[in-house]
């Protein structure tokens, strides 16, 4: 069955770094756009970053641009989120998601995605 399994979350001080990974199985990973979203307590789930199936196109929320980098390795069926210069406002559960659309991909819209992982907690202390 389809699975997306996130890892790499944890507790880090402000200014630190973390690298999240999301391992996919049960679908043709190389044909799916991948995204990262996050949800803080009491807040809506929000878009963080996305990468096209080929890896040639990447997209970022303005709040993380210049600090976070999304990448993928289709041979390992894994998408990554490198997070640098972390801030307390980055504290949230981070989810990876997969979208199989070939046209009209709304990479920043959660409802556009077909599959979701269970999430990994990132906590940034001040």
C-alpha atoms as a PDB file:
ATOM      1  CA  UNK A   1       0.000   0.000   0.000  1.00  0.00           C
ATOM      2  CA  UNK A   2       0.976   3.653  -0.312  1.00  0.00           C
ATOM      3  CA  UNK A   3       3.205   4.941   2.439  1.00  0.00           C
ATOM      4  CA  UNK A   4       5.020   8.181   3.113  1.00  0.00           C
ATOM      5  CA  UNK A   5       7.215   8.024   6.186  1.00  0.00           C
ATOM      6  CA  UNK A   6       8.807  11.190   7.508  1.00  0.00           C
ATOM      7  CA  UNK A   7      11.850  11.258   9.755  1.00  0.00           C
ATOM      8  CA  UNK A   8      14.462  13.683  11.029  1.00  0.00           C
ATOM      9  CA  UNK A   9      12.360  15.884  13.259  1.00  0.00           C
ATOM     10  CA  UNK A  10      13.390  16.829  16.763  1.00  0.00           C
ATOM     11  CA  UNK A  11      14.261  19.607  19.159  1.00  0.00           C
ATOM     12  CA  UNK A  12      16.746  22.249  18.051  1.00  0.00           C
ATOM     13  CA  UNK A  13      17.786  25.679  19.257  1.00  0.00           C
ATOM     14  CA  UNK A  14      16.986  28.779  17.254  1.00  0.00           C
ATOM     15  CA  UNK A  15      19.554  29.241  14.521  1.00  0.00           C
ATOM     16  CA  UNK A  16      20.132  25.521  14.210  1.00  0.00           C
ATOM     17  CA  UNK A  17      19.457  23.112  11.386  1.00  0.00           C
ATOM     18  CA  UNK A  18      17.512  19.943  10.729  1.00  0.00           C
ATOM     19  CA  UNK A  19      17.107  17.726   7.691  1.00  0.00           C
ATOM     20  CA  UNK A  20      13.791  16.010   7.203  1.00  0.00           C
ATOM     21  CA  UNK A  21      13.422  12.936   5.006  1.00  0.00           C
ATOM     22  CA  UNK A  22      10.318  11.339   3.549  1.00  0.00           C
ATOM     23  CA  UNK A  23      10.555   7.792   2.203  1.00  0.00           C
ATOM     24  CA  UNK A  24       7.869   6.790  -0.274  1.00  0.00           C
ATOM     25  CA  UNK A  25       6.560   3.373  -1.212  1.00  0.00           C
ATOM     26  CA  UNK A  26       3.556   1.847  -2.955  1.00  0.00           C
ATOM     27  CA  UNK A  27       3.417   4.263  -5.911  1.00  0.00           C
ATOM     28  CA  UNK A  28       5.651   5.458  -8.740  1.00  0.00           C
ATOM     29  CA  UNK A  29       7.531   8.112  -6.813  1.00  0.00           C
ATOM     30  CA  UNK A  30       9.347   9.543  -9.835  1.00  0.00           C
ATOM     31  CA  UNK A  31       6.022  10.530 -11.422  1.00  0.00           C
ATOM     32  CA  UNK A  32       4.748  12.538  -8.462  1.00  0.00           C
ATOM     33  CA  UNK A  33       5.287  16.089  -7.377  1.00  0.00           C
ATOM     34  CA  UNK A  34       6.181  16.232  -3.714  1.00  0.00           C
ATOM     35  CA  UNK A  35       5.434  18.833  -1.100  1.00  0.00           C
ATOM     36  CA  UNK A  36       6.138  19.655   2.512  1.00  0.00           C
ATOM     37  CA  UNK A  37       3.479  21.232   4.694  1.00  0.00           C
ATOM     38  CA  UNK A  38       3.426  22.073   8.373  1.00  0.00           C
ATOM     39  CA  UNK A  39       0.831  22.575  11.063  1.00  0.00           C
ATOM     40  CA  UNK A  40       1.364  24.357  14.348  1.00  0.00           C
ATOM     41  CA  UNK A  41      -1.030  23.917  17.282  1.00  0.00           C
ATOM     42  CA  UNK A  42      -4.235  25.859  16.717  1.00  0.00           C
ATOM     43  CA  UNK A  43      -3.271  26.824  13.181  1.00  0.00           C
ATOM     44  CA  UNK A  44      -4.172  25.702   9.689  1.00  0.00           C
ATOM     45  CA  UNK A  45      -1.895  23.400   7.752  1.00  0.00           C
ATOM     46  CA  UNK A  46       0.343  25.572   5.597  1.00  0.00           C
ATOM     47  CA  UNK A  47       2.521  25.076   2.554  1.00  0.00           C
ATOM     48  CA  UNK A  48       6.279  25.026   3.091  1.00  0.00           C
ATOM     49  CA  UNK A  49       7.957  23.793  -0.098  1.00  0.00           C
ATOM     50  CA  UNK A  50       7.361  21.655  -3.170  1.00  0.00           C
ATOM     51  CA  UNK A  51       9.394  20.001  -5.906  1.00  0.00           C
ATOM     52  CA  UNK A  52       8.341  18.757  -9.309  1.00  0.00           C
ATOM     53  CA  UNK A  53       8.560  15.093 -10.283  1.00  0.00           C
ATOM     54  CA  UNK A  54      11.821  15.728 -12.140  1.00  0.00           C
ATOM     55  CA  UNK A  55      13.328  17.880  -9.430  1.00  0.00           C
ATOM     56  CA  UNK A  56      13.858  20.717 -11.893  1.00  0.00           C
ATOM     57  CA  UNK A  57      11.297  23.035 -10.336  1.00  0.00           C
ATOM     58  CA  UNK A  58      11.112  24.000  -6.683  1.00  0.00           C
ATOM     59  CA  UNK A  59       8.717  26.302  -4.840  1.00  0.00           C
ATOM     60  CA  UNK A  60       8.842  27.845  -1.379  1.00  0.00           C
ATOM     61  CA  UNK A  61       6.648  29.741   1.013  1.00  0.00           C
ATOM     62  CA  UNK A  62       7.925  33.257   1.523  1.00  0.00           C
ATOM     63  CA  UNK A  63       8.443  32.549   5.228  1.00  0.00           C
ATOM     64  CA  UNK A  64      11.073  29.871   4.520  1.00  0.00           C
ATOM     65  CA  UNK A  65      12.633  31.028   1.260  1.00  0.00           C
ATOM     66  CA  UNK A  66      16.386  31.331   1.604  1.00  0.00           C
ATOM     67  CA  UNK A  67      16.445  29.152   4.742  1.00  0.00           C
ATOM     68  CA  UNK A  68      14.894  25.859   3.596  1.00  0.00           C
ATOM     69  CA  UNK A  69      15.837  23.699   0.613  1.00  0.00           C
ATOM     70  CA  UNK A  70      13.738  20.919  -0.854  1.00  0.00           C
ATOM     71  CA  UNK A  71      15.351  18.155  -2.891  1.00  0.00           C
ATOM     72  CA  UNK A  72      14.608  14.624  -4.025  1.00  0.00           C
ATOM     73  CA  UNK A  73      16.380  11.433  -4.970  1.00  0.00           C
ATOM     74  CA  UNK A  74      14.163   9.387  -7.247  1.00  0.00           C
ATOM     75  CA  UNK A  75      16.480   6.387  -7.019  1.00  0.00           C
ATOM     76  CA  UNK A  76      15.940   6.316  -3.255  1.00  0.00           C
ATOM     77  CA  UNK A  77      12.258   7.326  -3.458  1.00  0.00           C
ATOM     78  CA  UNK A  78      12.986  10.034  -0.930  1.00  0.00           C
ATOM     79  CA  UNK A  79      12.292  13.740  -0.658  1.00  0.00           C
ATOM     80  CA  UNK A  80      14.266  15.945   1.713  1.00  0.00           C
ATOM     81  CA  UNK A  81      13.780  19.255   3.447  1.00  0.00           C
ATOM     82  CA  UNK A  82      16.963  20.921   4.652  1.00  0.00           C
ATOM     83  CA  UNK A  83      16.044  23.529   7.240  1.00  0.00           C
ATOM     84  CA  UNK A  84      18.624  26.111   8.274  1.00  0.00           C
ATOM     85  CA  UNK A  85      18.476  29.199  10.484  1.00  0.00           C
ATOM     86  CA  UNK A  86      15.484  27.753  12.273  1.00  0.00           C
ATOM     87  CA  UNK A  87      13.214  30.043  14.234  1.00  0.00           C
ATOM     88  CA  UNK A  88      10.715  29.326  17.032  1.00  0.00           C
ATOM     89  CA  UNK A  89       7.955  30.139  14.512  1.00  0.00           C
ATOM     90  CA  UNK A  90       9.052  27.083  12.517  1.00  0.00           C
ATOM     91  CA  UNK A  91       7.817  24.837  15.335  1.00  0.00           C
ATOM     92  CA  UNK A  92       5.160  22.520  13.903  1.00  0.00           C
ATOM     93  CA  UNK A  93       4.397  19.023  12.741  1.00  0.00           C
ATOM     94  CA  UNK A  94       5.864  18.669   9.263  1.00  0.00           C
ATOM     95  CA  UNK A  95       4.126  16.506   6.669  1.00  0.00           C
ATOM     96  CA  UNK A  96       5.236  15.332   3.273  1.00  0.00           C
ATOM     97  CA  UNK A  97       2.694  14.774   0.528  1.00  0.00           C
ATOM     98  CA  UNK A  98       2.560  13.422  -3.023  1.00  0.00           C
ATOM     99  CA  UNK A  99       0.588  14.761  -5.977  1.00  0.00           C
ATOM    100  CA  UNK A 100       0.181  12.827  -9.213  1.00  0.00           C
ATOM    101  CA  UNK A 101      -1.179  15.661 -11.401  1.00  0.00           C
ATOM    102  CA  UNK A 102       0.700  16.264 -14.636  1.00  0.00           C
ATOM    103  CA  UNK A 103      -0.989  19.582 -15.385  1.00  0.00           C
ATOM    104  CA  UNK A 104      -2.531  22.279 -13.259  1.00  0.00           C
ATOM    105  CA  UNK A 105      -0.550  21.297 -10.194  1.00  0.00           C
ATOM    106  CA  UNK A 106      -1.442  23.596  -7.335  1.00  0.00           C
ATOM    107  CA  UNK A 107       1.639  22.841  -5.306  1.00  0.00           C
ATOM    108  CA  UNK A 108       0.713  25.134  -2.422  1.00  0.00           C
ATOM    109  CA  UNK A 109      -2.803  23.736  -1.914  1.00  0.00           C
ATOM    110  CA  UNK A 110      -3.050  20.851   0.520  1.00  0.00           C
ATOM    111  CA  UNK A 111      -6.245  19.532  -1.068  1.00  0.00           C
ATOM    112  CA  UNK A 112      -4.349  19.043  -4.329  1.00  0.00           C
ATOM    113  CA  UNK A 113      -2.266  16.198  -2.884  1.00  0.00           C
ATOM    114  CA  UNK A 114      -3.147  12.526  -3.131  1.00  0.00           C
ATOM    115  CA  UNK A 115      -1.087  10.967  -0.361  1.00  0.00           C
ATOM    116  CA  UNK A 116       0.159  12.151   3.026  1.00  0.00           C
ATOM    117  CA  UNK A 117       2.621  11.005   5.630  1.00  0.00           C
ATOM    118  CA  UNK A 118       1.952  10.847   9.345  1.00  0.00           C
ATOM    119  CA  UNK A 119       4.142  13.833  10.165  1.00  0.00           C
ATOM    120  CA  UNK A 120       7.250  14.515  12.202  1.00  0.00           C
ATOM    121  CA  UNK A 121       7.516  17.040  15.028  1.00  0.00           C
ATOM    122  CA  UNK A 122       9.960  19.923  14.758  1.00  0.00           C
ATOM    123  CA  UNK A 123      10.427  22.061  17.856  1.00  0.00           C
ATOM    124  CA  UNK A 124      12.644  25.135  17.815  1.00  0.00           C
ATOM    125  CA  UNK A 125      13.530  26.603  21.196  1.00  0.00           C
ATOM    126  CA  UNK A 126      14.414  30.248  21.687  1.00  0.00           C
END
